[in-house]
Amino acid sequence: MNRHELAEALTAAGLPPESFQIAEVHETSPPPTDFWFLRPGSGDGWEVGAYERGQFDVRANFDTESDAAQWMLTTLVGQRGLSG
């Protein structure tokens, strides 16, 4: 699963568009007060976490975009998504 597939899956699951931000795929402006995010991390990895009360809280780091996207989908909607 890549970032584009993740955005489609989260939308299809009924999550409000302002509840998540996915780097270079799904970003709202102005940013909402609280949201989940997936973004490139430092180095070659990926970060997934929550933005709350003006702070980014990285909940997990991954080596691949696919692993990060799958973790975010499972965390937010409680299911396994597309493989790949």
N, C-alpha and C. Protein backbone atom coordinates (compact mmCIF):
# COMPACT_ATOMS: atom_id res chain seq x y z
N MET A 1 0.85 -1.17 0.00
CA MET A 1 0.00 0.00 0.00
C MET A 1 0.90 1.24 0.00
N ASN A 2 0.59 2.20 -0.85
CA ASN A 2 1.33 3.45 -0.85
C ASN A 2 0.46 4.57 -0.27
N ARG A 3 0.99 5.77 -0.25
CA ARG A 3 0.28 6.91 0.36
C ARG A 3 -1.02 7.23 -0.36
N HIS A 4 -1.03 7.10 -1.69
CA HIS A 4 -2.25 7.39 -2.46
C HIS A 4 -3.34 6.37 -2.13
N GLU A 5 -2.98 5.11 -2.05
CA GLU A 5 -3.94 4.06 -1.70
C GLU A 5 -4.43 4.25 -0.27
N LEU A 6 -3.55 4.67 0.62
CA LEU A 6 -3.94 4.92 2.00
C LEU A 6 -4.99 6.03 2.07
N ALA A 7 -4.77 7.14 1.38
CA ALA A 7 -5.73 8.24 1.38
C ALA A 7 -7.09 7.76 0.88
N GLU A 8 -7.10 6.96 -0.17
CA GLU A 8 -8.36 6.43 -0.71
C GLU A 8 -9.03 5.51 0.31
N ALA A 9 -8.25 4.65 0.96
CA ALA A 9 -8.81 3.71 1.94
C ALA A 9 -9.39 4.43 3.15
N LEU A 10 -8.69 5.45 3.64
CA LEU A 10 -9.19 6.20 4.80
C LEU A 10 -10.47 6.95 4.45
N THR A 11 -10.51 7.53 3.27
CA THR A 11 -11.72 8.23 2.81
C THR A 11 -12.87 7.25 2.65
N ALA A 12 -12.59 6.10 2.03
CA ALA A 12 -13.62 5.08 1.83
C ALA A 12 -14.15 4.54 3.16
N ALA A 13 -13.30 4.53 4.19
CA ALA A 13 -13.71 4.06 5.51
C ALA A 13 -14.55 5.10 6.25
N GLY A 14 -14.68 6.30 5.68
CA GLY A 14 -15.52 7.32 6.28
C GLY A 14 -14.81 8.29 7.19
N LEU A 15 -13.50 8.29 7.23
CA LEU A 15 -12.80 9.26 8.07
C LEU A 15 -12.96 10.65 7.49
N PRO A 16 -13.22 11.64 8.33
CA PRO A 16 -13.33 13.01 7.84
C PRO A 16 -12.00 13.45 7.21
N PRO A 17 -12.04 14.18 6.11
CA PRO A 17 -10.81 14.59 5.43
C PRO A 17 -9.84 15.38 6.33
N GLU A 18 -10.38 16.10 7.29
CA GLU A 18 -9.51 16.89 8.16
C GLU A 18 -8.87 16.06 9.28
N SER A 19 -9.17 14.78 9.38
CA SER A 19 -8.64 13.96 10.46
C SER A 19 -7.28 13.35 10.15
N PHE A 20 -6.79 13.54 8.92
CA PHE A 20 -5.48 12.98 8.59
C PHE A 20 -4.78 13.84 7.55
N GLN A 21 -3.46 13.79 7.61
CA GLN A 21 -2.59 14.48 6.65
C GLN A 21 -1.58 13.45 6.15
N ILE A 22 -1.43 13.37 4.85
CA ILE A 22 -0.47 12.45 4.24
C ILE A 22 0.42 13.28 3.33
N ALA A 23 1.69 13.30 3.63
CA ALA A 23 2.64 14.16 2.92
C ALA A 23 2.51 14.03 1.41
N GLU A 24 2.34 15.19 0.77
CA GLU A 24 2.30 15.32 -0.69
C GLU A 24 1.12 14.60 -1.35
N VAL A 25 0.16 14.12 -0.56
CA VAL A 25 -0.99 13.42 -1.11
C VAL A 25 -2.29 14.03 -0.61
N HIS A 26 -2.41 14.21 0.70
CA HIS A 26 -3.65 14.70 1.30
C HIS A 26 -3.28 15.65 2.43
N GLU A 27 -3.34 16.95 2.14
CA GLU A 27 -3.01 17.96 3.14
C GLU A 27 -4.08 19.04 3.06
N THR A 28 -4.65 19.39 4.19
CA THR A 28 -5.68 20.43 4.21
C THR A 28 -5.06 21.75 4.66
N SER A 29 -5.63 22.83 4.17
CA SER A 29 -5.13 24.15 4.52
C SER A 29 -6.31 25.06 4.84
N PRO A 30 -6.29 25.72 5.97
CA PRO A 30 -5.26 25.62 7.01
C PRO A 30 -5.35 24.26 7.71
N PRO A 31 -4.24 23.84 8.31
CA PRO A 31 -4.27 22.55 8.99
C PRO A 31 -5.24 22.55 10.16
N PRO A 32 -5.91 21.42 10.39
CA PRO A 32 -6.83 21.34 11.53
C PRO A 32 -6.08 21.35 12.86
N THR A 33 -6.82 21.47 13.93
CA THR A 33 -6.23 21.51 15.27
C THR A 33 -5.57 20.19 15.64
N ASP A 34 -6.23 19.08 15.35
CA ASP A 34 -5.73 17.74 15.67
C ASP A 34 -5.88 16.86 14.45
N PHE A 35 -4.87 16.03 14.16
CA PHE A 35 -4.96 15.11 13.04
C PHE A 35 -3.86 14.05 13.13
N TRP A 36 -4.05 12.96 12.44
CA TRP A 36 -3.03 11.92 12.27
C TRP A 36 -2.21 12.28 11.05
N PHE A 37 -0.93 11.89 11.05
CA PHE A 37 -0.08 12.22 9.90
C PHE A 37 0.80 11.04 9.51
N LEU A 38 1.18 11.04 8.24
CA LEU A 38 2.20 10.15 7.70
C LEU A 38 3.11 11.05 6.88
N ARG A 39 4.40 11.00 7.18
CA ARG A 39 5.36 11.87 6.50
C ARG A 39 6.73 11.20 6.45
N PRO A 40 7.57 11.68 5.53
CA PRO A 40 8.94 11.18 5.54
C PRO A 40 9.61 11.54 6.86
N GLY A 41 10.36 10.63 7.39
CA GLY A 41 11.09 10.89 8.62
C GLY A 41 12.49 11.38 8.30
N SER A 42 13.29 11.50 9.32
CA SER A 42 14.68 11.85 9.09
C SER A 42 15.38 10.65 8.46
N GLY A 43 16.24 10.90 7.53
CA GLY A 43 16.88 9.80 6.82
C GLY A 43 15.96 9.25 5.75
N ASP A 44 15.94 7.93 5.62
CA ASP A 44 15.15 7.29 4.56
C ASP A 44 13.81 6.75 5.03
N GLY A 45 13.48 6.87 6.29
CA GLY A 45 12.29 6.24 6.84
C GLY A 45 11.03 7.10 6.76
N TRP A 46 10.00 6.58 7.42
CA TRP A 46 8.68 7.22 7.46
C TRP A 46 8.20 7.30 8.89
N GLU A 47 7.46 8.37 9.21
CA GLU A 47 6.89 8.57 10.54
C GLU A 47 5.38 8.62 10.46
N VAL A 48 4.75 8.02 11.47
CA VAL A 48 3.30 8.09 11.61
C VAL A 48 3.03 8.55 13.03
N GLY A 49 2.06 9.45 13.17
CA GLY A 49 1.75 9.92 14.50
C GLY A 49 0.55 10.83 14.52
N ALA A 50 0.41 11.54 15.62
CA ALA A 50 -0.72 12.44 15.81
C ALA A 50 -0.21 13.83 16.11
N TYR A 51 -0.92 14.82 15.58
CA TYR A 51 -0.66 16.23 15.87
C TYR A 51 -1.77 16.67 16.82
N GLU A 52 -1.38 17.01 18.04
CA GLU A 52 -2.36 17.40 19.06
C GLU A 52 -1.80 18.55 19.88
N ARG A 53 -2.65 19.53 20.13
CA ARG A 53 -2.28 20.66 20.98
C ARG A 53 -0.98 21.33 20.53
N GLY A 54 -0.82 21.44 19.21
CA GLY A 54 0.34 22.12 18.66
C GLY A 54 1.63 21.34 18.66
N GLN A 55 1.55 20.04 18.92
CA GLN A 55 2.75 19.21 18.99
C GLN A 55 2.62 17.99 18.08
N PHE A 56 3.69 17.68 17.34
CA PHE A 56 3.75 16.44 16.58
C PHE A 56 4.23 15.34 17.52
N ASP A 57 3.46 14.27 17.63
CA ASP A 57 3.79 13.12 18.47
C ASP A 57 3.97 11.92 17.56
N VAL A 58 5.22 11.58 17.25
CA VAL A 58 5.50 10.44 16.39
C VAL A 58 5.24 9.17 17.19
N ARG A 59 4.32 8.35 16.68
CA ARG A 59 3.94 7.12 17.38
C ARG A 59 4.70 5.91 16.87
N ALA A 60 5.17 5.96 15.60
CA ALA A 60 5.89 4.82 15.04
C ALA A 60 6.76 5.28 13.88
N ASN A 61 7.89 4.58 13.70
CA ASN A 61 8.81 4.83 12.60
C ASN A 61 8.93 3.56 11.77
N PHE A 62 9.05 3.73 10.46
CA PHE A 62 9.11 2.59 9.55
C PHE A 62 10.17 2.82 8.49
N ASP A 63 10.72 1.72 7.99
CA ASP A 63 11.70 1.79 6.91
C ASP A 63 11.04 2.04 5.57
N THR A 64 9.80 1.54 5.39
CA THR A 64 9.14 1.65 4.09
C THR A 64 7.83 2.41 4.18
N GLU A 65 7.49 3.06 3.08
CA GLU A 65 6.20 3.75 2.97
C GLU A 65 5.05 2.76 3.15
N SER A 66 5.19 1.60 2.56
CA SER A 66 4.14 0.58 2.63
C SER A 66 3.84 0.17 4.07
N ASP A 67 4.88 -0.09 4.85
CA ASP A 67 4.68 -0.48 6.25
C ASP A 67 4.04 0.66 7.05
N ALA A 68 4.47 1.88 6.80
CA ALA A 68 3.90 3.03 7.51
C ALA A 68 2.43 3.22 7.15
N ALA A 69 2.11 3.10 5.86
CA ALA A 69 0.72 3.26 5.41
C ALA A 69 -0.17 2.17 6.00
N GLN A 70 0.31 0.94 6.02
CA GLN A 70 -0.48 -0.16 6.57
C GLN A 70 -0.73 0.03 8.05
N TRP A 71 0.28 0.48 8.79
CA TRP A 71 0.13 0.71 10.23
C TRP A 71 -0.90 1.80 10.48
N MET A 72 -0.83 2.88 9.69
CA MET A 72 -1.78 3.98 9.88
C MET A 72 -3.20 3.51 9.59
N LEU A 73 -3.39 2.75 8.52
CA LEU A 73 -4.72 2.24 8.19
C LEU A 73 -5.24 1.35 9.31
N THR A 74 -4.44 0.42 9.75
CA THR A 74 -4.86 -0.50 10.80
C THR A 74 -5.18 0.26 12.09
N THR A 75 -4.36 1.24 12.43
CA THR A 75 -4.56 2.01 13.65
C THR A 75 -5.85 2.83 13.59
N LEU A 76 -6.11 3.45 12.44
CA LEU A 76 -7.26 4.35 12.35
C LEU A 76 -8.57 3.65 12.05
N VAL A 77 -8.54 2.55 11.31
CA VAL A 77 -9.81 1.90 10.96
C VAL A 77 -9.88 0.45 11.41
N GLY A 78 -8.80 -0.06 12.00
CA GLY A 78 -8.83 -1.38 12.58
C GLY A 78 -8.94 -2.54 11.61
N GLN A 79 -8.33 -2.40 10.43
CA GLN A 79 -8.40 -3.49 9.46
C GLN A 79 -7.14 -3.53 8.64
N ARG A 80 -6.89 -4.66 8.04
CA ARG A 80 -5.80 -4.80 7.10
C ARG A 80 -6.28 -4.24 5.76
N GLY A 81 -5.41 -3.55 5.09
CA GLY A 81 -5.77 -2.95 3.80
C GLY A 81 -5.21 -3.74 2.65
N LEU A 82 -4.94 -3.04 1.58
CA LEU A 82 -4.37 -3.64 0.39
C LEU A 82 -2.96 -4.10 0.67
N SER A 83 -2.54 -5.16 0.08
CA SER A 83 -1.17 -5.60 0.23
C SER A 83 -0.32 -4.91 -0.82
N GLY A 84 0.95 -4.87 -0.60
CA GLY A 84 1.83 -4.28 -1.61
C GLY A 84 2.67 -3.31 -1.02
